[in-house]
Structures are given as structure tokens and as C-alpha cells.
Amino acid sequence: MSTLARNSAALGNWAAPADETAELSRLEARLPALLSVIAGMVDLTGFFTLGHVFTAHVTGNLVVAAAAAVHGGPFNPAQILAIPVFMVAVATVWLIAQASDRRGPSLARLLLLVQFLLLAAVLILSIITRPSADPQGVAAGIAVMIAVAAMACQYALLRLAIPGAVSTAVMTGNLTNTVLSLMDLLSKHRALLPVDAGRLSRSWHLLLGFLLGCVVSASAVSVLGDWAWSLPVVLSALAIAIR
């Protein structure tokens, strides 16, 4: 089944006009890589400036919190709170999508706008309150939860608006897809994965994008401090402009 056919099936009875189908295809090809860069930036910037909380890969907070509990290190309650906040944010995005009665590219643009506004709120709060000076303070806790909500919005929008796109949240899965697809390509024997010429390319682009976001943000945090949040905000605005 083609990617667009899977999209149509996943979107239920909604039948997109030809121009919207073409735009959906373009978004599926272009948007995930950019969003993976944003996710890498948000994850690393949040980790360094907001009390070592993973804002993109929220389940990693369980590992950090457990390690702190066992070894007696500093414990940040936000590491545990991030998980239920993420779940509530995903549910809220679903409610927004349901209330908007939008599908496909139109819904993607709406949710990209929501992500942009959330990240802009983190930037404004960070500039005003300088949460990096007190990573476990109230301001840092509020900022990190808004960032977690922004990432929840990003992941939900791909599932709801562009269901055929590769997730920017499952980097371990993308790494697995990359290695297995590469092994199939190099092998002289029967391929073990379903034939998909784009699997390796899509997974590799997302991995590279996330790594690029992390590297750029590591440099930005050291130079710009709390202003490093301006980078994912700018890229979020760019994502809205993709056609």
C-alpha cells in the first residue's frame, strides 16, 4: 500500500482534494526532518537550562529520576511531572483537532501554530525570568512544562495530521530502522524488511536532524544562555511556512 493510501485510510472517510493530497505529500516529505531538528534543540536546551529535564524524550526522565533516587543525587520533581503533563498535552491537542474539524495540511498548520506559540512562551519566560539561574525554581518548572507541551503537540500533530510520516519522537526506533535497512541494502541475500526505498532515507534524515539540533543548541546555550530558545522558535515559524 502506498504512503498516500495509508494516509487516506488513517484519516477515515475524509477525502482530500487533489491539491490538498499533493500538499500532504510535500509535508510528509519535508516537515519531519525539520521537526526533528526542533525536537533536538528543545530537548538539549531544556536539559541544560531547565534542571536536566528531557522535554522531547520525556520517558528518559524516569531513568534520570530513578538514578537520583538510588544514588542520592539532586532530585527534580519536574522530571516526574513531565510525563503526566505530556499525556495531558497530547489529549488537549486531540481536543483541539476534534473541535477544529480540520484534517490533513489544514490541521497540521493549526497545530504547528500551537507549537510555535508554546515555544515562543518558553522563550519569553526564559528572557524575563532567567530560569537557568535557578533550574529547580518555579519559573524553570513552568517553562519546562510548556516546552514538554510543545513537544507533545509536535508528536501528536504528525499522528493526527500526517499519519504516514515517520515519528520524530522515537529516535531509538529510527536508529533501528536505519541499521536494518542498511543491512538489507548491503546483503546479497533476501531482504528481511518489507521493500521500502524511502525507509533508510527517512530514518537517516530524522536521526541527522535530531543530532544537528542537539549540536547547534549545545553551542547556542554556551553562547546565548536563555536566549538559545530563540532558535527552535525561529524554526517553528519556518515549519508553519512550509507548503
C-alpha atoms as a PDB file:
ATOM      1  CA  MET A   1       0.000   0.000   0.000  1.00  0.00           C
ATOM      2  CA  SER A   2       1.408   3.428  -0.901  1.00  0.00           C
ATOM      3  CA  THR A   3       2.096   6.074   1.710  1.00  0.00           C
ATOM      4  CA  LEU A   4      -0.716   8.277   0.465  1.00  0.00           C
ATOM      5  CA  ALA A   5      -3.091   5.337   0.524  1.00  0.00           C
ATOM      6  CA  ARG A   6      -2.153   4.663   4.136  1.00  0.00           C
ATOM      7  CA  ASN A   7      -2.750   8.333   4.877  1.00  0.00           C
ATOM      8  CA  SER A   8      -6.226   8.193   3.366  1.00  0.00           C
ATOM      9  CA  ALA A   9      -7.095   5.071   5.340  1.00  0.00           C
ATOM     10  CA  ALA A  10      -5.788   6.578   8.565  1.00  0.00           C
ATOM     11  CA  LEU A  11      -7.786   9.744   8.043  1.00  0.00           C
ATOM     12  CA  GLY A  12     -11.018   7.773   7.870  1.00  0.00           C
ATOM     13  CA  ASN A  13     -13.700   8.886   5.470  1.00  0.00           C
ATOM     14  CA  TRP A  14     -12.097  12.236   4.825  1.00  0.00           C
ATOM     15  CA  ALA A  15     -11.324  12.549   1.111  1.00  0.00           C
ATOM     16  CA  ALA A  16      -8.781  15.245   0.358  1.00  0.00           C
ATOM     17  CA  PRO A  17      -8.961  17.269  -2.865  1.00  0.00           C
ATOM     18  CA  ALA A  18      -6.081  16.743  -5.260  1.00  0.00           C
ATOM     19  CA  ASP A  19      -4.275  19.922  -4.214  1.00  0.00           C
ATOM     20  CA  GLU A  20      -4.517  19.005  -0.522  1.00  0.00           C
ATOM     21  CA  THR A  21      -3.288  15.495  -1.271  1.00  0.00           C
ATOM     22  CA  ALA A  22      -0.263  16.990  -3.036  1.00  0.00           C
ATOM     23  CA  GLU A  23       0.371  19.329  -0.114  1.00  0.00           C
ATOM     24  CA  LEU A  24       0.070  16.451   2.338  1.00  0.00           C
ATOM     25  CA  SER A  25       2.682  14.571   0.344  1.00  0.00           C
ATOM     26  CA  ARG A  26       5.009  17.565   0.415  1.00  0.00           C
ATOM     27  CA  LEU A  27       4.541  17.994   4.162  1.00  0.00           C
ATOM     28  CA  GLU A  28       5.251  14.308   4.723  1.00  0.00           C
ATOM     29  CA  ALA A  29       8.495  14.648   2.761  1.00  0.00           C
ATOM     30  CA  ARG A  30       9.727  17.935   4.231  1.00  0.00           C
ATOM     31  CA  LEU A  31       8.265  18.507   7.670  1.00  0.00           C
ATOM     32  CA  PRO A  32       9.527  15.580   9.826  1.00  0.00           C
ATOM     33  CA  ALA A  33      13.209  16.355   9.256  1.00  0.00           C
ATOM     34  CA  LEU A  34      12.714  19.980  10.303  1.00  0.00           C
ATOM     35  CA  LEU A  35      10.649  18.947  13.305  1.00  0.00           C
ATOM     36  CA  SER A  36      13.377  16.513  14.360  1.00  0.00           C
ATOM     37  CA  VAL A  37      15.859  19.417  14.416  1.00  0.00           C
ATOM     38  CA  ILE A  38      13.433  21.387  16.579  1.00  0.00           C
ATOM     39  CA  ALA A  39      12.987  18.395  18.894  1.00  0.00           C
ATOM     40  CA  GLY A  40      16.759  18.055  19.312  1.00  0.00           C
ATOM     41  CA  MET A  41      17.081  21.755  20.087  1.00  0.00           C
ATOM     42  CA  VAL A  42      14.240  21.767  22.596  1.00  0.00           C
ATOM     43  CA  ASP A  43      15.449  18.596  24.314  1.00  0.00           C
ATOM     44  CA  LEU A  44      19.024  19.754  24.787  1.00  0.00           C
ATOM     45  CA  THR A  45      18.221  23.393  25.596  1.00  0.00           C
ATOM     46  CA  GLY A  46      15.698  22.277  28.188  1.00  0.00           C
ATOM     47  CA  PHE A  47      18.102  19.742  29.680  1.00  0.00           C
ATOM     48  CA  PHE A  48      20.861  22.317  30.149  1.00  0.00           C
ATOM     49  CA  THR A  49      18.795  25.343  31.197  1.00  0.00           C
ATOM     50  CA  LEU A  50      15.763  23.868  32.966  1.00  0.00           C
ATOM     51  CA  GLY A  51      17.060  21.428  35.541  1.00  0.00           C
ATOM     52  CA  HIS A  52      18.115  18.396  33.495  1.00  0.00           C
ATOM     53  CA  VAL A  53      14.605  17.561  32.316  1.00  0.00           C
ATOM     54  CA  PHE A  54      14.094  15.859  28.945  1.00  0.00           C
ATOM     55  CA  THR A  55      11.423  17.873  27.183  1.00  0.00           C
ATOM     56  CA  ALA A  56      11.277  15.835  23.969  1.00  0.00           C
ATOM     57  CA  HIS A  57      12.026  12.263  25.079  1.00  0.00           C
ATOM     58  CA  VAL A  58      10.046  12.502  28.295  1.00  0.00           C
ATOM     59  CA  THR A  59      10.356   8.844  29.296  1.00  0.00           C
ATOM     60  CA  GLY A  60      14.087   9.434  29.754  1.00  0.00           C
ATOM     61  CA  ASN A  61      13.152  11.463  32.832  1.00  0.00           C
ATOM     62  CA  LEU A  62      12.203   8.237  34.611  1.00  0.00           C
ATOM     63  CA  VAL A  63      15.770   6.984  34.211  1.00  0.00           C
ATOM     64  CA  VAL A  64      17.276  10.228  35.494  1.00  0.00           C
ATOM     65  CA  ALA A  65      14.867  10.398  38.433  1.00  0.00           C
ATOM     66  CA  ALA A  66      15.472   6.747  39.357  1.00  0.00           C
ATOM     67  CA  ALA A  67      19.235   7.233  39.238  1.00  0.00           C
ATOM     68  CA  ALA A  68      18.939  10.272  41.507  1.00  0.00           C
ATOM     69  CA  ALA A  69      16.737   8.334  43.929  1.00  0.00           C
ATOM     70  CA  VAL A  70      19.119   5.369  44.130  1.00  0.00           C
ATOM     71  CA  HIS A  71      22.386   7.295  44.338  1.00  0.00           C
ATOM     72  CA  GLY A  72      21.063  10.168  46.427  1.00  0.00           C
ATOM     73  CA  GLY A  73      21.688  12.853  43.828  1.00  0.00           C
ATOM     74  CA  PRO A  74      19.647  16.045  43.423  1.00  0.00           C
ATOM     75  CA  PHE A  75      16.059  15.203  42.513  1.00  0.00           C
ATOM     76  CA  ASN A  76      13.993  17.497  40.333  1.00  0.00           C
ATOM     77  CA  PRO A  77      10.229  16.868  40.719  1.00  0.00           C
ATOM     78  CA  ALA A  78       9.742  18.234  37.185  1.00  0.00           C
ATOM     79  CA  GLN A  79      11.365  15.068  35.826  1.00  0.00           C
ATOM     80  CA  ILE A  80       8.407  13.028  37.072  1.00  0.00           C
ATOM     81  CA  LEU A  81       5.763  15.703  36.478  1.00  0.00           C
ATOM     82  CA  ALA A  82       6.799  15.967  32.822  1.00  0.00           C
ATOM     83  CA  ILE A  83       5.224  12.600  31.999  1.00  0.00           C
ATOM     84  CA  PRO A  84       1.630  13.301  33.105  1.00  0.00           C
ATOM     85  CA  VAL A  85       1.917  16.816  31.655  1.00  0.00           C
ATOM     86  CA  PHE A  86       2.932  15.285  28.331  1.00  0.00           C
ATOM     87  CA  MET A  87      -0.077  12.964  28.429  1.00  0.00           C
ATOM     88  CA  VAL A  88      -2.480  15.801  29.246  1.00  0.00           C
ATOM     89  CA  ALA A  89      -0.960  17.923  26.470  1.00  0.00           C
ATOM     90  CA  VAL A  90      -1.446  15.132  23.906  1.00  0.00           C
ATOM     91  CA  ALA A  91      -5.068  14.778  24.994  1.00  0.00           C
ATOM     92  CA  THR A  92      -5.515  18.557  24.693  1.00  0.00           C
ATOM     93  CA  VAL A  93      -4.128  18.505  21.160  1.00  0.00           C
ATOM     94  CA  TRP A  94      -6.660  15.800  20.303  1.00  0.00           C
ATOM     95  CA  LEU A  95      -9.440  18.013  21.658  1.00  0.00           C
ATOM     96  CA  ILE A  96      -8.174  20.968  19.608  1.00  0.00           C
ATOM     97  CA  ALA A  97      -8.101  18.829  16.471  1.00  0.00           C
ATOM     98  CA  GLN A  98     -11.579  17.486  17.166  1.00  0.00           C
ATOM     99  CA  ALA A  99     -13.033  20.933  17.832  1.00  0.00           C
ATOM    100  CA  SER A 100     -11.381  22.484  14.770  1.00  0.00           C
ATOM    101  CA  ASP A 101     -12.905  19.869  12.445  1.00  0.00           C
ATOM    102  CA  ARG A 102      -9.765  20.107  10.299  1.00  0.00           C
ATOM    103  CA  ARG A 103      -7.831  17.365   8.561  1.00  0.00           C
ATOM    104  CA  GLY A 104      -4.533  16.934   6.754  1.00  0.00           C
ATOM    105  CA  PRO A 105      -2.495  20.063   5.885  1.00  0.00           C
ATOM    106  CA  SER A 106      -5.032  22.435   7.431  1.00  0.00           C
ATOM    107  CA  LEU A 107      -4.817  20.637  10.772  1.00  0.00           C
ATOM    108  CA  ALA A 108      -1.028  20.458  10.508  1.00  0.00           C
ATOM    109  CA  ARG A 109      -0.806  24.235  10.098  1.00  0.00           C
ATOM    110  CA  LEU A 110      -3.083  24.804  13.088  1.00  0.00           C
ATOM    111  CA  LEU A 111      -1.053  22.521  15.348  1.00  0.00           C
ATOM    112  CA  LEU A 112       2.253  23.927  14.090  1.00  0.00           C
ATOM    113  CA  LEU A 113       0.943  27.334  15.137  1.00  0.00           C
ATOM    114  CA  VAL A 114       0.135  25.943  18.594  1.00  0.00           C
ATOM    115  CA  GLN A 115       3.674  24.550  18.865  1.00  0.00           C
ATOM    116  CA  PHE A 116       5.128  27.903  17.802  1.00  0.00           C
ATOM    117  CA  LEU A 117       3.094  29.795  20.412  1.00  0.00           C
ATOM    118  CA  LEU A 118       4.164  27.384  23.161  1.00  0.00           C
ATOM    119  CA  LEU A 119       7.852  27.652  22.265  1.00  0.00           C
ATOM    120  CA  ALA A 120       7.537  31.440  21.995  1.00  0.00           C
ATOM    121  CA  ALA A 121       6.070  31.421  25.505  1.00  0.00           C
ATOM    122  CA  VAL A 122       9.114  29.466  26.750  1.00  0.00           C
ATOM    123  CA  LEU A 123      11.427  32.000  25.101  1.00  0.00           C
ATOM    124  CA  ILE A 124       9.610  34.997  26.603  1.00  0.00           C
ATOM    125  CA  LEU A 125       9.500  33.416  30.052  1.00  0.00           C
ATOM    126  CA  SER A 126      13.182  32.496  29.836  1.00  0.00           C
ATOM    127  CA  ILE A 127      14.208  36.014  28.833  1.00  0.00           C
ATOM    128  CA  ILE A 128      12.146  37.630  31.596  1.00  0.00           C
ATOM    129  CA  THR A 129      12.852  35.256  34.497  1.00  0.00           C
ATOM    130  CA  ARG A 130      16.229  33.693  33.583  1.00  0.00           C
ATOM    131  CA  PRO A 131      15.236  30.203  34.841  1.00  0.00           C
ATOM    132  CA  SER A 132      18.701  28.802  34.135  1.00  0.00           C
ATOM    133  CA  ALA A 133      19.914  30.682  37.230  1.00  0.00           C
ATOM    134  CA  ASP A 134      17.606  28.532  39.365  1.00  0.00           C
ATOM    135  CA  PRO A 135      16.925  25.346  37.369  1.00  0.00           C
ATOM    136  CA  GLN A 136      14.692  23.858  40.054  1.00  0.00           C
ATOM    137  CA  GLY A 137      12.779  27.043  40.759  1.00  0.00           C
ATOM    138  CA  VAL A 138       9.150  27.825  39.941  1.00  0.00           C
ATOM    139  CA  ALA A 139       9.952  29.714  36.731  1.00  0.00           C
ATOM    140  CA  ALA A 140      12.065  26.844  35.427  1.00  0.00           C
ATOM    141  CA  GLY A 141       9.322  24.372  36.316  1.00  0.00           C
ATOM    142  CA  ILE A 142       6.706  26.372  34.414  1.00  0.00           C
ATOM    143  CA  ALA A 143       8.996  26.839  31.419  1.00  0.00           C
ATOM    144  CA  VAL A 144       9.876  23.160  31.183  1.00  0.00           C
ATOM    145  CA  MET A 145       6.225  22.095  31.304  1.00  0.00           C
ATOM    146  CA  ILE A 146       5.377  24.486  28.484  1.00  0.00           C
ATOM    147  CA  ALA A 147       8.277  23.036  26.474  1.00  0.00           C
ATOM    148  CA  VAL A 148       7.021  19.500  27.186  1.00  0.00           C
ATOM    149  CA  ALA A 149       3.573  20.555  25.959  1.00  0.00           C
ATOM    150  CA  ALA A 150       5.136  21.943  22.775  1.00  0.00           C
ATOM    151  CA  MET A 151       6.808  18.613  22.069  1.00  0.00           C
ATOM    152  CA  ALA A 152       3.597  16.741  22.821  1.00  0.00           C
ATOM    153  CA  CYS A 153       1.900  18.955  20.253  1.00  0.00           C
ATOM    154  CA  GLN A 154       4.602  18.164  17.688  1.00  0.00           C
ATOM    155  CA  TYR A 155       4.314  14.407  18.094  1.00  0.00           C
ATOM    156  CA  ALA A 156       0.516  14.466  18.128  1.00  0.00           C
ATOM    157  CA  LEU A 157       0.274  16.606  15.001  1.00  0.00           C
ATOM    158  CA  LEU A 158       2.270  14.059  12.998  1.00  0.00           C
ATOM    159  CA  ARG A 159      -0.014  11.231  14.107  1.00  0.00           C
ATOM    160  CA  LEU A 160      -3.213  13.200  13.585  1.00  0.00           C
ATOM    161  CA  ALA A 161      -2.455  15.330  10.520  1.00  0.00           C
ATOM    162  CA  ILE A 162       0.272  13.403   8.650  1.00  0.00           C
ATOM    163  CA  PRO A 163      -0.089   9.788   9.836  1.00  0.00           C
ATOM    164  CA  GLY A 164       2.167   8.423   7.107  1.00  0.00           C
ATOM    165  CA  ALA A 165       5.157  10.435   8.345  1.00  0.00           C
ATOM    166  CA  VAL A 166       7.934   8.857  10.402  1.00  0.00           C
ATOM    167  CA  SER A 167       7.729   9.884  14.065  1.00  0.00           C
ATOM    168  CA  THR A 168      10.266  12.403  15.340  1.00  0.00           C
ATOM    169  CA  ALA A 169       9.812  11.035  18.858  1.00  0.00           C
ATOM    170  CA  VAL A 170      11.176   7.503  18.506  1.00  0.00           C
ATOM    171  CA  MET A 171      14.875   8.053  17.833  1.00  0.00           C
ATOM    172  CA  THR A 172      15.732   4.538  19.013  1.00  0.00           C
ATOM    173  CA  GLY A 173      13.235   3.146  16.524  1.00  0.00           C
ATOM    174  CA  ASN A 174      14.624   5.331  13.755  1.00  0.00           C
ATOM    175  CA  LEU A 175      18.140   4.152  14.553  1.00  0.00           C
ATOM    176  CA  THR A 176      16.900   0.554  14.375  1.00  0.00           C
ATOM    177  CA  ASN A 177      15.225   1.203  11.009  1.00  0.00           C
ATOM    178  CA  THR A 178      18.395   2.827   9.688  1.00  0.00           C
ATOM    179  CA  VAL A 179      20.666  -0.071  10.659  1.00  0.00           C
ATOM    180  CA  LEU A 180      18.266  -2.816   9.479  1.00  0.00           C
ATOM    181  CA  SER A 181      17.585  -1.077   6.172  1.00  0.00           C
ATOM    182  CA  LEU A 182      21.298  -0.568   5.618  1.00  0.00           C
ATOM    183  CA  MET A 183      21.964  -4.245   6.315  1.00  0.00           C
ATOM    184  CA  ASP A 184      19.279  -5.237   3.813  1.00  0.00           C
ATOM    185  CA  LEU A 185      20.829  -2.965   1.185  1.00  0.00           C
ATOM    186  CA  LEU A 186      24.306  -4.387   1.745  1.00  0.00           C
ATOM    187  CA  SER A 187      23.207  -8.017   1.898  1.00  0.00           C
ATOM    188  CA  LYS A 188      23.254 -10.327  -1.136  1.00  0.00           C
ATOM    189  CA  HIS A 189      20.506 -12.433   0.418  1.00  0.00           C
ATOM    190  CA  ARG A 190      16.758 -11.922   0.647  1.00  0.00           C
ATOM    191  CA  ALA A 191      15.761  -8.690   2.314  1.00  0.00           C
ATOM    192  CA  LEU A 192      14.232  -9.211   5.741  1.00  0.00           C
ATOM    193  CA  LEU A 193      12.287  -5.948   5.791  1.00  0.00           C
ATOM    194  CA  PRO A 194       9.376  -5.024   3.523  1.00  0.00           C
ATOM    195  CA  VAL A 195      10.603  -3.312   0.372  1.00  0.00           C
ATOM    196  CA  ASP A 196      10.586   0.427   1.055  1.00  0.00           C
ATOM    197  CA  ALA A 197      13.070   2.526  -0.859  1.00  0.00           C
ATOM    198  CA  GLY A 198      12.443   5.528   1.382  1.00  0.00           C
ATOM    199  CA  ARG A 199      12.792   3.819   4.775  1.00  0.00           C
ATOM    200  CA  LEU A 200      16.549   4.311   5.092  1.00  0.00           C
ATOM    201  CA  SER A 201      16.407   7.875   3.799  1.00  0.00           C
ATOM    202  CA  ARG A 202      13.576   8.949   6.105  1.00  0.00           C
ATOM    203  CA  SER A 203      15.072   7.391   9.234  1.00  0.00           C
ATOM    204  CA  TRP A 204      18.537   8.734   8.475  1.00  0.00           C
ATOM    205  CA  HIS A 205      17.248  12.262   7.890  1.00  0.00           C
ATOM    206  CA  LEU A 206      15.451  12.268  11.242  1.00  0.00           C
ATOM    207  CA  LEU A 207      18.482  10.957  13.120  1.00  0.00           C
ATOM    208  CA  LEU A 208      20.726  13.502  11.469  1.00  0.00           C
ATOM    209  CA  GLY A 209      18.224  16.280  12.120  1.00  0.00           C
ATOM    210  CA  PHE A 210      17.904  15.472  15.816  1.00  0.00           C
ATOM    211  CA  LEU A 211      21.693  15.257  16.201  1.00  0.00           C
ATOM    212  CA  LEU A 212      22.112  18.559  14.364  1.00  0.00           C
ATOM    213  CA  GLY A 213      19.575  20.190  16.656  1.00  0.00           C
ATOM    214  CA  CYS A 214      21.436  18.931  19.714  1.00  0.00           C
ATOM    215  CA  VAL A 215      24.847  20.097  18.470  1.00  0.00           C
ATOM    216  CA  VAL A 216      23.606  23.536  17.456  1.00  0.00           C
ATOM    217  CA  SER A 217      21.765  24.025  20.741  1.00  0.00           C
ATOM    218  CA  ALA A 218      24.775  22.915  22.793  1.00  0.00           C
ATOM    219  CA  SER A 219      26.750  25.729  21.193  1.00  0.00           C
ATOM    220  CA  ALA A 220      23.847  28.168  21.470  1.00  0.00           C
ATOM    221  CA  VAL A 221      23.344  27.538  25.187  1.00  0.00           C
ATOM    222  CA  SER A 222      27.018  28.159  25.911  1.00  0.00           C
ATOM    223  CA  VAL A 223      26.961  31.429  23.943  1.00  0.00           C
ATOM    224  CA  LEU A 224      23.403  32.729  24.285  1.00  0.00           C
ATOM    225  CA  GLY A 225      22.210  31.209  27.557  1.00  0.00           C
ATOM    226  CA  ASP A 226      18.433  31.513  27.894  1.00  0.00           C
ATOM    227  CA  TRP A 227      18.257  33.237  24.508  1.00  0.00           C
ATOM    228  CA  ALA A 228      19.073  29.837  22.950  1.00  0.00           C
ATOM    229  CA  TRP A 229      15.309  29.208  22.987  1.00  0.00           C
ATOM    230  CA  SER A 230      15.067  31.654  20.090  1.00  0.00           C
ATOM    231  CA  LEU A 231      16.452  29.027  17.695  1.00  0.00           C
ATOM    232  CA  PRO A 232      13.612  26.457  17.972  1.00  0.00           C
ATOM    233  CA  VAL A 233      11.124  29.351  17.901  1.00  0.00           C
ATOM    234  CA  VAL A 234      12.517  30.558  14.567  1.00  0.00           C
ATOM    235  CA  LEU A 235      12.448  27.036  13.114  1.00  0.00           C
ATOM    236  CA  SER A 236       8.879  26.563  14.346  1.00  0.00           C
ATOM    237  CA  ALA A 237       7.875  29.673  12.440  1.00  0.00           C
ATOM    238  CA  LEU A 238       9.640  28.258   9.384  1.00  0.00           C
ATOM    239  CA  ALA A 239       7.718  24.983   9.755  1.00  0.00           C
ATOM    240  CA  ILE A 240       4.411  26.881   9.554  1.00  0.00           C
ATOM    241  CA  ALA A 241       5.538  28.408   6.251  1.00  0.00           C
ATOM    242  CA  ILE A 242       6.235  25.045   4.564  1.00  0.00           C
ATOM    243  CA  ARG A 243       3.940  24.457   1.609  1.00  0.00           C
END
